[in-house]
Amino acid sequence: MSEQPFFQGEQLLQEMNKTPGEWKVFLNPIADGQETKTRVYITHKTPIAGGENESRGAYGIVYSVDVQLEGSEKTYPFALKEFHDYKKDETKNALENHRRAKHAGLKVWNTYRISEDGSSILMSTGDVKGWEILGQKTILSKEKRETTLPFENFQNFLSEYYSQAQKAAEHNIAIAGDVPFLKIREHELDFVLGDMDLLEPSSQTNQLTIQRQNVQNLHSTLVYFLEKNFGEQAQIYIDQSEQYISQTFSGQTVKKYGGEVEK
């Protein structure tokens, strides 16, 4: 008797010339402290920022992954954060940060599930409509840069992006500069507050102070991404960001790369 493939989708993987990946079990909390389990097959993974050194944070590495549910051959795009061995205890903190942020109405991952062994978290990326999710340090290909600009939705983007600063402050949440992930498709820009490790309660007690620092950190992340990828073309968008902040947040001025905000 010939040996049967251990997973129904393995033939599909071979046809696509992809190296088979790994099984993982993820937990989905439900009512009364109960949870369900979902077994998935991760077909391949690529560091979101384009390389493990750039994607490597204090707590772990974030990958773009393709996932197949057990018993299905359909592939879904997700993000996967694998925690460093010495930071595995932080997965539960990240789960609580996600719960708190979602309650505050912040734009975070729709799906956020911890693995059964506590070593990683599976997150929905919203890529199903053609979006490509990017880390702050992602450097786009020349072809991608040429087909992305101009951003036709930039004013709408700014409105939603900076609304996160106020929503977070109202719930005493600090948005660190590494928290946002940007998303692009042709002529459009979007985001998700993706790094839950750093989306934590603020040490500040003044809501306005929290809001102003959140605005500064969001702006710095946006500036860094734009300048790294679009050079001189970025300035028009940076100027619009600064103008929007000044008009929306009572004349607040911002620095390009962060630091303490003026009181």
Protein backbone atom coordinates (compact mmCIF):
# COMPACT_ATOMS: atom_id res chain seq x y z
CA MET A 1 0.00 0.00 0.00
CA SER A 2 1.39 3.38 -0.93
CA GLU A 3 1.79 5.96 1.79
CA GLN A 4 -1.03 8.55 1.81
CA PRO A 5 -0.22 12.26 2.05
CA PHE A 6 -0.54 13.42 5.66
CA PHE A 7 -2.54 16.42 4.50
CA GLN A 8 -5.09 16.74 1.73
CA GLY A 9 -3.52 19.94 0.39
CA GLU A 10 0.02 18.60 0.08
CA GLN A 11 -0.40 17.78 -3.62
CA LEU A 12 -1.44 21.36 -4.25
CA LEU A 13 1.69 22.58 -2.49
CA GLN A 14 3.89 20.41 -4.67
CA GLU A 15 2.20 21.72 -7.79
CA MET A 16 2.96 25.27 -6.66
CA ASN A 17 6.60 24.32 -6.02
CA LYS A 18 6.32 25.35 -2.38
CA THR A 19 8.14 23.57 0.37
CA PRO A 20 5.61 22.00 2.74
CA GLY A 21 5.45 23.94 5.98
CA GLU A 22 4.12 22.94 9.37
CA TRP A 23 1.01 22.12 11.34
CA LYS A 24 -0.06 24.41 14.17
CA VAL A 25 -3.06 24.43 16.51
CA PHE A 26 -4.57 27.78 17.48
CA LEU A 27 -7.04 28.52 20.28
CA ASN A 28 -10.21 30.57 19.93
CA PRO A 29 -11.63 31.85 23.27
CA ILE A 30 -15.41 31.60 23.62
CA ALA A 31 -17.85 32.19 26.46
CA ASP A 32 -17.28 31.15 30.09
CA GLY A 33 -13.54 30.69 29.73
CA GLN A 34 -13.94 27.92 27.16
CA GLU A 35 -12.05 27.71 23.89
CA THR A 36 -12.17 25.91 20.58
CA LYS A 37 -9.17 24.62 18.64
CA THR A 38 -8.38 25.15 14.96
CA ARG A 39 -5.70 23.05 13.27
CA VAL A 40 -4.05 24.76 10.32
CA TYR A 41 -1.24 24.09 7.89
CA ILE A 42 1.20 26.95 7.27
CA THR A 43 2.43 26.48 3.72
CA HIS A 44 5.18 29.08 3.73
CA LYS A 45 6.16 32.26 5.53
CA THR A 46 8.03 35.43 4.61
CA PRO A 47 9.17 38.14 7.05
CA ILE A 48 6.85 41.11 6.57
CA ALA A 49 9.66 43.68 6.48
CA GLY A 50 11.51 41.72 3.83
CA GLY A 51 14.10 40.03 6.04
CA GLU A 52 14.33 38.51 9.48
CA ASN A 53 16.74 41.16 10.76
CA GLU A 54 14.34 43.94 9.81
CA SER A 55 11.27 42.05 11.05
CA ARG A 56 12.91 41.03 14.31
CA GLY A 57 11.51 42.96 17.25
CA ALA A 58 12.10 42.79 20.97
CA TYR A 59 9.48 40.07 21.34
CA GLY A 60 9.64 38.10 18.09
CA ILE A 61 9.41 38.08 14.28
CA VAL A 62 6.30 38.84 12.20
CA TYR A 63 5.76 36.85 9.01
CA SER A 64 3.32 36.97 6.13
CA VAL A 65 1.99 33.42 5.81
CA ASP A 66 -0.40 31.36 3.70
CA VAL A 67 -2.65 29.08 5.73
CA GLN A 68 -4.85 26.11 4.88
CA LEU A 69 -7.52 24.94 7.29
CA GLU A 70 -7.52 21.23 8.06
CA GLY A 71 -9.45 19.35 5.40
CA SER A 72 -9.42 22.21 2.90
CA GLU A 73 -7.20 23.06 -0.06
CA LYS A 74 -8.11 26.76 -0.08
CA THR A 75 -5.31 29.08 1.01
CA TYR A 76 -5.85 32.19 3.15
CA PRO A 77 -3.40 35.04 3.83
CA PHE A 78 -2.53 35.73 7.47
CA ALA A 79 0.22 37.24 9.57
CA LEU A 80 2.08 35.12 12.12
CA LYS A 81 4.13 36.40 15.02
CA GLU A 82 6.63 33.90 16.40
CA PHE A 83 7.89 34.92 19.82
CA HIS A 84 11.50 34.52 20.88
CA ASP A 85 11.91 31.61 23.30
CA TYR A 86 12.68 33.99 26.16
CA LYS A 87 9.54 36.06 25.39
CA LYS A 88 6.93 33.30 25.04
CA ASP A 89 5.23 34.45 28.24
CA GLU A 90 4.36 37.70 26.45
CA THR A 91 1.79 36.01 24.19
CA LYS A 92 -0.88 36.23 26.88
CA ASN A 93 -0.09 39.91 27.47
CA ALA A 94 -0.43 40.54 23.73
CA LEU A 95 -3.80 38.75 23.75
CA GLU A 96 -5.01 40.99 26.57
CA ASN A 97 -3.72 44.10 24.77
CA HIS A 98 -5.68 43.05 21.68
CA ARG A 99 -8.85 42.56 23.73
CA ARG A 100 -8.45 45.99 25.33
CA ALA A 101 -7.74 47.73 22.01
CA LYS A 102 -10.69 46.09 20.28
CA HIS A 103 -12.97 47.19 23.12
CA ALA A 104 -11.68 50.76 22.62
CA GLY A 105 -12.71 50.62 18.96
CA LEU A 106 -9.17 50.70 17.60
CA LYS A 107 -8.38 49.30 14.16
CA VAL A 108 -6.66 46.05 15.08
CA TRP A 109 -6.48 42.52 13.68
CA ASN A 110 -9.90 40.91 13.13
CA THR A 111 -8.54 37.49 14.03
CA TYR A 112 -6.02 37.11 16.84
CA ARG A 113 -5.40 33.58 18.06
CA ILE A 114 -2.65 32.19 20.26
CA SER A 115 -1.07 28.84 19.40
CA GLU A 116 -1.66 25.88 21.66
CA ASP A 117 2.01 25.79 22.66
CA GLY A 118 2.01 29.53 23.40
CA SER A 119 4.86 30.25 20.99
CA SER A 120 3.04 32.27 18.33
CA ILE A 121 -0.06 34.28 17.40
CA LEU A 122 -2.03 34.02 14.14
CA MET A 123 -3.54 37.28 12.90
CA SER A 124 -5.84 38.16 10.00
CA THR A 125 -4.26 40.64 7.61
CA GLY A 126 -7.12 41.88 5.45
CA ASP A 127 -5.14 40.98 2.32
CA VAL A 128 -8.05 39.21 0.66
CA LYS A 129 -8.98 42.31 -1.36
CA GLY A 130 -5.54 42.83 -2.83
CA TRP A 131 -3.92 44.65 0.09
CA GLU A 132 -0.25 44.07 0.83
CA ILE A 133 0.66 44.48 4.49
CA LEU A 134 3.96 46.16 5.29
CA GLY A 135 6.14 46.73 8.30
CA GLN A 136 7.47 50.17 9.10
CA LYS A 137 10.87 49.22 7.65
CA THR A 138 9.61 47.54 4.49
CA ILE A 139 11.38 48.67 1.32
CA LEU A 140 9.16 48.25 -1.71
CA SER A 141 10.43 47.07 -5.08
CA LYS A 142 10.97 49.72 -7.75
CA GLU A 143 8.01 48.37 -9.70
CA LYS A 144 5.77 48.50 -6.65
CA ARG A 145 6.81 52.07 -5.86
CA GLU A 146 6.04 53.17 -9.41
CA THR A 147 2.53 51.68 -9.38
CA THR A 148 1.57 52.85 -5.87
CA LEU A 149 1.63 56.66 -6.11
CA PRO A 150 -0.31 58.86 -6.07
CA PHE A 151 -2.36 57.92 -2.99
CA GLU A 152 -5.86 58.87 -4.07
CA ASN A 153 -7.39 58.17 -0.65
CA PHE A 154 -4.78 59.99 1.44
CA GLN A 155 -7.10 62.48 3.18
CA ASN A 156 -9.48 59.70 4.19
CA PHE A 157 -6.49 57.69 5.34
CA LEU A 158 -5.26 60.56 7.54
CA SER A 159 -8.68 60.97 9.13
CA GLU A 160 -8.96 57.32 10.15
CA TYR A 161 -5.27 56.93 10.98
CA TYR A 162 -5.08 59.84 13.41
CA SER A 163 -8.50 59.12 14.94
CA GLN A 164 -6.74 56.20 16.61
CA ALA A 165 -4.72 58.64 18.72
CA GLN A 166 -7.81 60.07 20.41
CA LYS A 167 -9.67 56.76 20.74
CA ALA A 168 -6.63 55.17 22.37
CA ALA A 169 -6.10 58.11 24.73
CA GLU A 170 -9.72 57.94 25.88
CA HIS A 171 -8.99 54.40 27.09
CA ASN A 172 -5.52 55.19 28.48
CA ILE A 173 -3.75 53.29 25.69
CA ALA A 174 -0.36 54.37 24.35
CA ILE A 175 0.43 53.78 20.65
CA ALA A 176 4.15 53.18 20.27
CA GLY A 177 5.86 53.92 16.97
CA ASP A 178 6.29 50.24 16.11
CA VAL A 179 2.57 49.45 16.52
CA PRO A 180 1.15 50.45 13.10
CA PHE A 181 1.46 48.25 10.02
CA LEU A 182 0.73 49.99 6.73
CA LYS A 183 -1.21 48.39 3.88
CA ILE A 184 -1.03 49.33 0.22
CA ARG A 185 -2.60 48.53 -3.09
CA GLU A 186 -2.57 50.54 -6.29
CA HIS A 187 -3.05 54.24 -5.36
CA GLU A 188 -4.42 53.43 -1.89
CA LEU A 189 -2.96 53.43 1.62
CA ASP A 190 -4.42 51.81 4.73
CA PHE A 191 -3.22 50.55 8.12
CA VAL A 192 -3.80 48.23 11.05
CA LEU A 193 -2.53 48.66 14.61
CA GLY A 194 -0.74 45.37 14.52
CA ASP A 195 1.98 45.01 17.15
CA MET A 196 -0.02 44.16 20.25
CA ASP A 197 3.07 43.79 22.45
CA LEU A 198 3.49 47.56 22.44
CA LEU A 199 -0.16 48.67 22.42
CA GLU A 200 -0.24 48.93 26.20
CA PRO A 201 -1.79 51.05 28.96
CA SER A 202 -0.01 54.40 29.19
CA SER A 203 2.11 55.39 32.17
CA GLN A 204 0.71 58.92 31.77
CA THR A 205 -2.42 60.04 33.60
CA ASN A 206 -3.33 63.06 31.46
CA GLN A 207 -5.50 62.13 28.48
CA LEU A 208 -4.33 65.05 26.34
CA THR A 209 -0.68 64.13 26.94
CA ILE A 210 -1.37 60.54 25.84
CA GLN A 211 -3.20 61.76 22.75
CA ARG A 212 -0.43 64.13 21.71
CA GLN A 213 2.24 61.46 22.09
CA ASN A 214 0.08 59.00 20.13
CA VAL A 215 -0.24 61.55 17.31
CA GLN A 216 3.51 62.09 17.28
CA ASN A 217 4.28 58.37 17.14
CA LEU A 218 1.77 57.73 14.36
CA HIS A 219 3.23 60.60 12.34
CA SER A 220 6.80 59.37 12.82
CA THR A 221 5.89 55.89 11.58
CA LEU A 222 4.21 57.31 8.49
CA VAL A 223 7.11 59.67 7.73
CA TYR A 224 9.69 56.89 8.07
CA PHE A 225 7.80 54.62 5.67
CA LEU A 226 7.16 57.36 3.10
CA GLU A 227 10.73 58.67 3.05
CA LYS A 228 12.29 55.22 2.82
CA ASN A 229 10.16 54.28 -0.15
CA PHE A 230 9.29 57.42 -2.09
CA GLY A 231 12.17 59.85 -1.50
CA GLU A 232 11.40 63.40 -2.63
CA GLN A 233 7.88 62.36 -3.66
CA ALA A 234 7.11 61.67 0.01
CA GLN A 235 7.27 65.31 1.05
CA ILE A 236 3.87 66.24 -0.36
CA TYR A 237 2.27 63.56 1.84
CA ILE A 238 4.34 64.49 4.89
CA ASP A 239 3.23 68.11 4.49
CA GLN A 240 -0.40 67.01 4.29
CA SER A 241 0.03 64.91 7.42
CA GLU A 242 1.50 67.82 9.36
CA GLN A 243 -1.24 70.17 8.13
CA TYR A 244 -3.96 67.69 9.10
CA ILE A 245 -2.50 67.31 12.60
CA SER A 246 -2.29 71.07 13.11
CA GLN A 247 -5.88 71.59 12.00
CA THR A 248 -7.35 68.63 13.88
CA PHE A 249 -5.39 68.70 17.13
CA SER A 250 -5.46 72.37 18.15
CA GLY A 251 -2.30 73.44 16.39
CA GLN A 252 -0.13 70.54 17.57
CA THR A 253 3.25 70.50 15.86
CA VAL A 254 5.13 67.27 15.26
CA LYS A 255 8.69 66.18 14.66
CA LYS A 256 9.64 63.85 11.86
CA TYR A 257 11.08 61.12 14.02
CA GLY A 258 9.39 61.39 17.37
CA GLY A 259 10.71 62.28 20.76
CA GLU A 260 8.79 63.90 23.59
CA VAL A 261 5.98 66.21 22.52
CA GLU A 262 5.85 69.78 23.65
CA LYS A 263 3.55 70.35 26.62
